[in-house]
N, C-alpha and C. Protein backbone atom coordinates (compact mmCIF):
# COMPACT_ATOMS: atom_id res chain seq x y z
N MET A 1 65.65 33.77 43.63
CA MET A 1 65.42 32.54 43.41
C MET A 1 67.30 31.95 42.52
N ASN A 2 67.61 30.85 43.22
CA ASN A 2 68.71 30.68 42.17
C ASN A 2 68.71 30.19 40.73
N GLU A 3 69.68 30.51 39.98
CA GLU A 3 69.68 30.51 38.53
C GLU A 3 69.59 28.60 38.43
N ASP A 4 70.12 28.17 39.58
CA ASP A 4 70.77 26.85 39.03
C ASP A 4 69.31 25.70 39.14
N LEU A 5 68.78 26.37 40.30
CA LEU A 5 67.75 25.80 41.40
C LEU A 5 66.97 26.10 40.04
N VAL A 6 66.18 27.27 39.29
CA VAL A 6 65.17 27.22 38.48
C VAL A 6 65.58 26.42 37.02
N ALA A 7 66.80 26.54 36.47
CA ALA A 7 67.21 25.85 35.58
C ALA A 7 66.31 24.57 35.43
N ARG A 8 67.48 23.30 36.79
CA ARG A 8 66.91 22.43 37.15
C ARG A 8 65.43 21.76 37.33
N LEU A 9 64.67 22.85 37.71
CA LEU A 9 63.66 22.86 38.25
C LEU A 9 62.71 22.49 36.91
N ARG A 10 63.19 23.64 35.64
CA ARG A 10 62.52 23.42 34.20
C ARG A 10 62.48 22.32 33.54
N ALA A 11 63.55 22.21 33.47
CA ALA A 11 64.05 20.89 32.81
C ALA A 11 63.76 19.38 33.43
N ASN A 12 62.97 19.84 34.51
CA ASN A 12 62.18 18.00 34.98
C ASN A 12 61.28 17.82 34.75
N PRO A 13 61.08 16.81 34.17
CA PRO A 13 59.55 16.47 33.59
C PRO A 13 58.61 16.45 34.21
N ALA A 14 58.59 15.99 35.40
CA ALA A 14 57.67 16.50 36.51
C ALA A 14 56.42 17.57 36.33
N TYR A 15 57.93 18.67 36.65
CA TYR A 15 57.35 19.88 36.48
C TYR A 15 56.22 20.35 35.97
N HIS A 16 56.63 19.82 34.56
CA HIS A 16 56.17 20.30 33.01
C HIS A 16 54.89 19.58 33.28
N GLU A 17 54.59 18.02 33.99
CA GLU A 17 53.48 17.41 33.64
C GLU A 17 52.88 17.82 34.85
N LEU A 18 53.33 18.56 36.02
CA LEU A 18 52.34 19.51 36.87
C LEU A 18 51.67 20.68 36.03
N VAL A 19 52.55 21.58 35.57
CA VAL A 19 52.31 22.77 34.92
C VAL A 19 50.94 22.35 33.88
N HIS A 20 51.24 21.37 32.88
CA HIS A 20 49.92 20.98 32.00
C HIS A 20 48.79 20.37 32.65
N LYS A 21 48.82 19.21 33.65
CA LYS A 21 47.94 18.69 34.44
C LYS A 21 46.65 20.09 34.96
N ARG A 22 47.18 20.71 35.67
CA ARG A 22 47.01 22.01 36.66
C ARG A 22 46.10 22.87 35.48
N SER A 23 47.11 23.40 34.33
CA SER A 23 46.22 24.13 33.81
C SER A 23 45.52 23.66 33.15
N ARG A 24 45.52 22.49 32.69
CA ARG A 24 44.04 21.70 31.93
C ARG A 24 43.09 21.87 32.68
N LEU A 25 43.02 21.34 34.07
CA LEU A 25 42.54 21.36 34.87
C LEU A 25 41.58 22.77 35.26
N GLY A 26 42.60 23.29 35.00
CA GLY A 26 42.30 25.55 35.33
C GLY A 26 41.00 25.42 34.70
N TRP A 27 41.80 25.74 33.08
CA TRP A 27 41.07 26.52 32.35
C TRP A 27 39.58 25.64 31.37
N SER A 28 39.66 23.94 32.29
CA SER A 28 38.31 23.33 32.30
C SER A 28 37.23 23.60 32.78
N LEU A 29 37.58 23.88 33.93
CA LEU A 29 36.85 24.81 35.10
C LEU A 29 36.38 25.91 34.95
N THR A 30 37.27 26.70 34.54
CA THR A 30 37.24 27.65 34.29
C THR A 30 36.17 28.06 33.17
N ALA A 31 36.48 27.53 32.42
CA ALA A 31 35.18 27.07 30.74
C ALA A 31 33.57 26.95 31.58
N VAL A 32 33.36 25.39 32.16
CA VAL A 32 32.36 25.10 32.71
C VAL A 32 31.53 26.17 33.67
N MET A 33 32.36 26.72 34.52
CA MET A 33 31.55 27.87 35.48
C MET A 33 31.19 29.06 34.40
N LEU A 34 32.01 29.32 33.37
CA LEU A 34 31.88 30.71 32.46
C LEU A 34 30.18 30.47 31.96
N ILE A 35 30.54 28.42 31.75
CA ILE A 35 29.24 28.45 30.92
C ILE A 35 27.88 28.93 31.28
N VAL A 36 28.14 27.73 32.92
CA VAL A 36 26.96 28.06 33.84
C VAL A 36 26.49 29.84 34.51
N TYR A 37 27.31 30.64 34.87
CA TYR A 37 27.42 31.61 35.21
C TYR A 37 26.65 32.53 34.01
N TYR A 38 27.35 32.63 32.80
CA TYR A 38 26.88 33.52 31.66
C TYR A 38 25.44 32.71 31.20
N GLY A 39 25.43 31.73 31.07
CA GLY A 39 23.97 31.00 30.87
C GLY A 39 22.50 31.51 31.48
N TYR A 40 23.14 31.26 33.06
CA TYR A 40 22.31 32.02 33.63
C TYR A 40 21.99 33.83 33.53
N VAL A 41 23.13 34.22 33.22
CA VAL A 41 22.88 36.10 32.82
C VAL A 41 21.97 36.02 31.68
N LEU A 42 22.55 35.02 30.82
CA LEU A 42 21.91 34.94 29.82
C LEU A 42 20.31 34.27 29.53
N LEU A 43 20.18 33.69 30.33
CA LEU A 43 18.50 33.16 30.48
C LEU A 43 17.70 34.43 31.20
N ILE A 44 18.36 35.37 32.21
CA ILE A 44 18.14 36.44 32.84
C ILE A 44 17.69 37.52 31.71
N ALA A 45 18.40 37.40 30.81
CA ALA A 45 18.27 39.06 29.41
C ALA A 45 17.10 38.20 29.00
N PHE A 46 17.06 37.14 28.85
CA PHE A 46 16.70 36.71 27.13
C PHE A 46 14.97 36.13 27.51
N ASP A 47 14.70 35.43 29.19
CA ASP A 47 13.72 34.87 28.91
C ASP A 47 13.32 34.68 30.74
N LYS A 48 13.09 36.37 30.96
CA LYS A 48 12.61 36.52 32.61
C LYS A 48 11.00 35.92 32.65
N GLU A 49 10.35 35.46 31.60
CA GLU A 49 9.12 34.87 31.62
C GLU A 49 9.54 33.74 32.21
N LEU A 50 10.50 33.21 32.23
CA LEU A 50 10.67 31.69 32.79
C LEU A 50 11.25 31.60 34.12
N LEU A 51 11.91 32.67 34.30
CA LEU A 51 12.49 32.94 35.53
C LEU A 51 11.53 33.24 36.85
N ALA A 52 10.54 34.43 36.09
CA ALA A 52 9.16 34.57 36.91
C ALA A 52 8.12 34.03 36.98
N THR A 53 8.35 32.25 36.48
CA THR A 53 6.84 31.60 36.77
C THR A 53 7.24 30.91 37.83
N ARG A 54 5.85 31.01 38.96
CA ARG A 54 5.91 30.47 40.13
C ARG A 54 5.78 28.89 40.19
N MET A 55 6.69 28.36 40.78
CA MET A 55 6.86 27.21 40.94
C MET A 55 5.79 26.61 42.03
N GLY A 56 4.48 25.44 41.49
CA GLY A 56 3.66 25.28 42.31
C GLY A 56 2.70 26.42 42.51
N SER A 57 1.71 25.84 43.72
CA SER A 57 0.82 27.32 43.96
C SER A 57 1.78 28.35 45.26
N GLY A 58 3.05 28.51 45.62
CA GLY A 58 3.31 29.49 46.40
C GLY A 58 3.90 30.43 46.00
N VAL A 59 4.97 31.24 46.65
CA VAL A 59 5.13 32.45 45.92
C VAL A 59 6.79 31.82 45.83
N MET A 60 7.75 31.18 45.41
CA MET A 60 8.85 30.79 45.07
C MET A 60 8.80 30.73 43.31
N THR A 61 9.48 31.73 42.63
CA THR A 61 9.90 31.07 41.25
C THR A 61 11.04 30.55 40.87
N TRP A 62 11.00 30.09 39.56
CA TRP A 62 11.95 29.30 39.31
C TRP A 62 13.60 29.91 39.37
N GLY A 63 13.25 31.61 39.05
CA GLY A 63 14.57 32.51 39.30
C GLY A 63 15.40 32.08 40.61
N MET A 64 14.46 31.54 41.47
CA MET A 64 15.49 31.47 43.16
C MET A 64 16.33 30.50 43.11
N PRO A 65 15.54 28.94 43.11
CA PRO A 65 16.66 27.89 42.54
C PRO A 65 17.81 28.40 41.68
N ILE A 66 17.15 28.09 40.93
CA ILE A 66 18.32 28.37 39.58
C ILE A 66 19.48 29.41 40.11
N GLY A 67 19.24 30.46 40.39
CA GLY A 67 20.67 31.40 40.78
C GLY A 67 21.08 30.88 41.83
N LEU A 68 20.52 29.89 42.80
CA LEU A 68 21.06 29.20 44.34
C LEU A 68 21.99 27.99 43.75
N PHE A 69 21.50 27.81 42.63
CA PHE A 69 22.21 26.04 41.90
C PHE A 69 23.14 26.85 41.50
N VAL A 70 23.80 28.41 40.69
CA VAL A 70 24.54 28.86 40.30
C VAL A 70 25.79 28.89 41.32
N ILE A 71 25.07 29.15 42.44
CA ILE A 71 26.26 29.98 43.75
C ILE A 71 26.81 28.28 44.49
N ALA A 72 25.92 27.53 44.69
CA ALA A 72 26.11 26.05 44.85
C ALA A 72 27.27 25.44 43.93
N PHE A 73 26.91 25.49 42.21
CA PHE A 73 27.97 24.58 42.13
C PHE A 73 29.38 25.68 41.85
N THR A 74 29.55 27.07 41.85
CA THR A 74 30.39 27.78 42.45
C THR A 74 31.33 26.71 43.78
N VAL A 75 30.26 26.59 44.56
CA VAL A 75 30.79 26.04 45.78
C VAL A 75 31.46 24.91 45.33
N ALA A 76 30.82 24.05 44.74
CA ALA A 76 31.16 22.35 44.81
C ALA A 76 32.26 22.15 43.64
N ILE A 77 32.71 23.40 42.78
CA ILE A 77 33.74 22.97 41.87
C ILE A 77 34.56 23.54 42.34
N THR A 78 34.73 25.08 43.29
CA THR A 78 35.98 24.79 44.41
C THR A 78 36.64 23.78 45.02
N GLY A 79 35.48 23.10 45.59
CA GLY A 79 35.79 21.91 46.39
C GLY A 79 36.29 20.82 45.50
N PHE A 80 35.93 20.56 44.62
CA PHE A 80 35.97 19.59 43.40
C PHE A 80 37.40 19.77 43.37
N TYR A 81 38.34 20.83 42.87
CA TYR A 81 39.25 21.53 42.56
C TYR A 81 40.73 21.19 43.57
N VAL A 82 39.82 22.28 45.12
CA VAL A 82 40.59 21.75 45.65
C VAL A 82 40.94 20.10 46.41
N ARG A 83 39.88 19.58 46.44
CA ARG A 83 40.56 17.59 46.68
C ARG A 83 40.92 17.35 45.65
N HIS A 84 41.01 17.64 44.27
CA HIS A 84 41.25 17.06 43.48
C HIS A 84 43.26 17.48 43.59
N ALA A 85 43.66 18.89 44.20
CA ALA A 85 44.86 19.27 44.05
C ALA A 85 45.45 18.77 45.16
N ASN A 86 44.60 18.77 46.12
CA ASN A 86 45.41 17.98 47.46
C ASN A 86 45.55 16.26 46.90
N ALA A 87 44.99 15.72 46.55
CA ALA A 87 45.15 14.49 45.77
C ALA A 87 46.24 13.97 45.22
N SER A 88 46.27 14.96 44.12
CA SER A 88 47.28 14.87 42.69
C SER A 88 48.13 15.73 42.70
N TYR A 89 48.12 16.76 42.88
CA TYR A 89 49.44 17.68 42.75
C TYR A 89 50.21 18.09 43.93
N ASP A 90 49.90 18.11 45.26
CA ASP A 90 50.65 17.51 46.39
C ASP A 90 51.63 16.61 46.04
N LYS A 91 51.09 15.59 45.78
CA LYS A 91 52.27 14.61 45.63
C LYS A 91 52.76 14.96 44.35
N LEU A 92 52.87 15.40 43.55
CA LEU A 92 53.86 15.79 42.62
C LEU A 92 54.75 16.82 42.49
N THR A 93 53.96 17.63 43.32
CA THR A 93 55.07 18.94 43.62
C THR A 93 56.04 18.50 44.56
N GLU A 94 55.65 17.54 45.52
CA GLU A 94 56.89 16.75 46.32
C GLU A 94 57.60 16.06 46.09
N GLN A 95 57.00 15.30 44.42
CA GLN A 95 58.13 14.55 44.31
C GLN A 95 59.27 15.35 43.18
N ILE A 96 59.03 16.86 42.92
CA ILE A 96 59.64 17.52 42.01
C ILE A 96 60.54 18.09 43.76
N LYS A 97 60.43 18.55 43.86
CA LYS A 97 60.98 18.67 45.65
C LYS A 97 62.12 18.13 45.41
N ARG A 98 62.16 16.50 45.59
CA ARG A 98 62.97 15.75 46.13
C ARG A 98 63.54 15.62 44.73
N GLU A 99 63.12 15.62 43.35
CA GLU A 99 63.67 15.30 42.43
C GLU A 99 64.87 16.73 42.37
N VAL A 100 64.60 17.67 42.73
CA VAL A 100 65.09 19.10 42.24
C VAL A 100 66.24 19.63 43.58
N ALA A 101 66.10 18.95 44.16
CA ALA A 101 67.07 19.51 46.02
C ALA A 101 67.90 18.81 45.70
């Protein structure tokens, strides 16, 4: 890459705003995902009885819907990030391209 282009890019305040926003959201969503995932793992490790408790009179236990929630939450949080990135970061990236070029 052209060193002059890299220097102009790094000097652009919109670039720093983009990096800051993406990093903050990325780390926040990572923290939330880790809490949900490791919360489930810790629940498996320390409260197996809760997960083995049947829901109603059927054969389904609480472990099934909680595990499915973890999977669905992963899909939802990914969808949230993609939607937010398309709405916010893409506009900022285009602005940076116009300013730097």
